Amino acid sequence: MSVFTYLQVALAARLAELRSDGERGDSPVPTAVIIFGLVAAAITVTALVATRAEGWMNAIPTAP
């Protein structure tokens, strides 16, 4: 048997095995959407806290 025929048969067997397994995990798209949402929330919270902290520091009276 030639090497190419062996590789073709091995690849076909592996693909058939992967197709028969129904539970292959979750798609990366929902994970990416969740990560994007968490990053957006973190940026929003950071901007809000920075704005409030700056306003609070500006409200402190200065020494004469």
C-alpha atoms as a PDB file:
ATOM      1  CA  MET A   1       0.000   0.000   0.000  1.00  0.00           C
ATOM      2  CA  SER A   2       1.431   3.360  -0.913  1.00  0.00           C
ATOM      3  CA  VAL A   3       1.891   6.132   1.595  1.00  0.00           C
ATOM      4  CA  PHE A   4      -0.696   8.361  -0.083  1.00  0.00           C
ATOM      5  CA  THR A   5      -3.343   5.643  -0.009  1.00  0.00           C
ATOM      6  CA  TYR A   6      -2.607   5.001   3.664  1.00  0.00           C
ATOM      7  CA  LEU A   7      -2.897   8.706   4.488  1.00  0.00           C
ATOM      8  CA  GLN A   8      -6.146   8.991   2.539  1.00  0.00           C
ATOM      9  CA  VAL A   9      -7.670   6.027   4.380  1.00  0.00           C
ATOM     10  CA  ALA A  10      -6.463   7.355   7.742  1.00  0.00           C
ATOM     11  CA  LEU A  11      -7.897  10.804   7.025  1.00  0.00           C
ATOM     12  CA  ALA A  12     -11.232   9.353   5.893  1.00  0.00           C
ATOM     13  CA  ALA A  13     -11.431   7.210   9.032  1.00  0.00           C
ATOM     14  CA  ARG A  14     -10.640  10.178  11.277  1.00  0.00           C
ATOM     15  CA  LEU A  15     -13.221  12.404   9.582  1.00  0.00           C
ATOM     16  CA  ALA A  16     -15.849   9.675   9.899  1.00  0.00           C
ATOM     17  CA  GLU A  17     -15.017   9.377  13.594  1.00  0.00           C
ATOM     18  CA  LEU A  18     -15.351  13.130  14.087  1.00  0.00           C
ATOM     19  CA  ARG A  19     -18.693  13.233  12.263  1.00  0.00           C
ATOM     20  CA  SER A  20     -20.116  10.435  14.394  1.00  0.00           C
ATOM     21  CA  ASP A  21     -19.290  12.276  17.643  1.00  0.00           C
ATOM     22  CA  GLY A  22     -22.226  14.635  18.204  1.00  0.00           C
ATOM     23  CA  GLU A  23     -20.825  16.376  21.282  1.00  0.00           C
ATOM     24  CA  ARG A  24     -17.891  18.421  20.054  1.00  0.00           C
ATOM     25  CA  GLY A  25     -18.209  21.431  22.329  1.00  0.00           C
ATOM     26  CA  ASP A  26     -19.496  24.925  21.883  1.00  0.00           C
ATOM     27  CA  SER A  27     -18.825  27.241  18.990  1.00  0.00           C
ATOM     28  CA  PRO A  28     -16.288  29.998  19.672  1.00  0.00           C
ATOM     29  CA  VAL A  29     -18.745  32.684  18.518  1.00  0.00           C
ATOM     30  CA  PRO A  30     -20.864  32.808  21.733  1.00  0.00           C
ATOM     31  CA  THR A  31     -17.690  32.895  23.800  1.00  0.00           C
ATOM     32  CA  ALA A  32     -16.372  35.820  21.754  1.00  0.00           C
ATOM     33  CA  VAL A  33     -19.684  37.671  22.141  1.00  0.00           C
ATOM     34  CA  ILE A  34     -19.619  37.164  25.914  1.00  0.00           C
ATOM     35  CA  ILE A  35     -16.024  38.377  26.122  1.00  0.00           C
ATOM     36  CA  PHE A  36     -16.860  41.436  23.997  1.00  0.00           C
ATOM     37  CA  GLY A  37     -19.793  42.241  26.296  1.00  0.00           C
ATOM     38  CA  LEU A  38     -17.661  41.915  29.416  1.00  0.00           C
ATOM     39  CA  VAL A  39     -14.960  44.158  27.935  1.00  0.00           C
ATOM     40  CA  ALA A  40     -17.561  46.775  26.983  1.00  0.00           C
ATOM     41  CA  ALA A  41     -19.017  46.670  30.504  1.00  0.00           C
ATOM     42  CA  ALA A  42     -15.551  46.991  32.043  1.00  0.00           C
ATOM     43  CA  ILE A  43     -14.718  50.008  29.876  1.00  0.00           C
ATOM     44  CA  THR A  44     -18.025  51.644  30.802  1.00  0.00           C
ATOM     45  CA  VAL A  45     -17.535  51.077  34.526  1.00  0.00           C
ATOM     46  CA  THR A  46     -13.938  52.306  34.378  1.00  0.00           C
ATOM     47  CA  ALA A  47     -14.963  55.485  32.556  1.00  0.00           C
ATOM     48  CA  LEU A  48     -17.788  56.113  35.028  1.00  0.00           C
ATOM     49  CA  VAL A  49     -15.532  55.620  38.052  1.00  0.00           C
ATOM     50  CA  ALA A  50     -12.803  57.826  36.556  1.00  0.00           C
ATOM     51  CA  THR A  51     -15.306  60.606  35.837  1.00  0.00           C
ATOM     52  CA  ARG A  52     -16.790  60.482  39.317  1.00  0.00           C
ATOM     53  CA  ALA A  53     -13.365  60.364  40.960  1.00  0.00           C
ATOM     54  CA  GLU A  54     -12.166  63.345  38.934  1.00  0.00           C
ATOM     55  CA  GLY A  55     -15.279  65.309  39.873  1.00  0.00           C
ATOM     56  CA  TRP A  56     -14.810  64.416  43.523  1.00  0.00           C
ATOM     57  CA  MET A  57     -11.143  65.485  43.446  1.00  0.00           C
ATOM     58  CA  ASN A  58     -12.039  68.767  41.735  1.00  0.00           C
ATOM     59  CA  ALA A  59     -14.564  69.486  44.503  1.00  0.00           C
ATOM     60  CA  ILE A  60     -11.825  69.452  47.171  1.00  0.00           C
ATOM     61  CA  PRO A  61     -11.032  73.036  48.136  1.00  0.00           C
ATOM     62  CA  THR A  62      -7.473  74.192  47.565  1.00  0.00           C
ATOM     63  CA  ALA A  63      -5.284  75.821  50.192  1.00  0.00           C
ATOM     64  CA  PRO A  64      -5.150  79.623  50.084  1.00  0.00           C
END
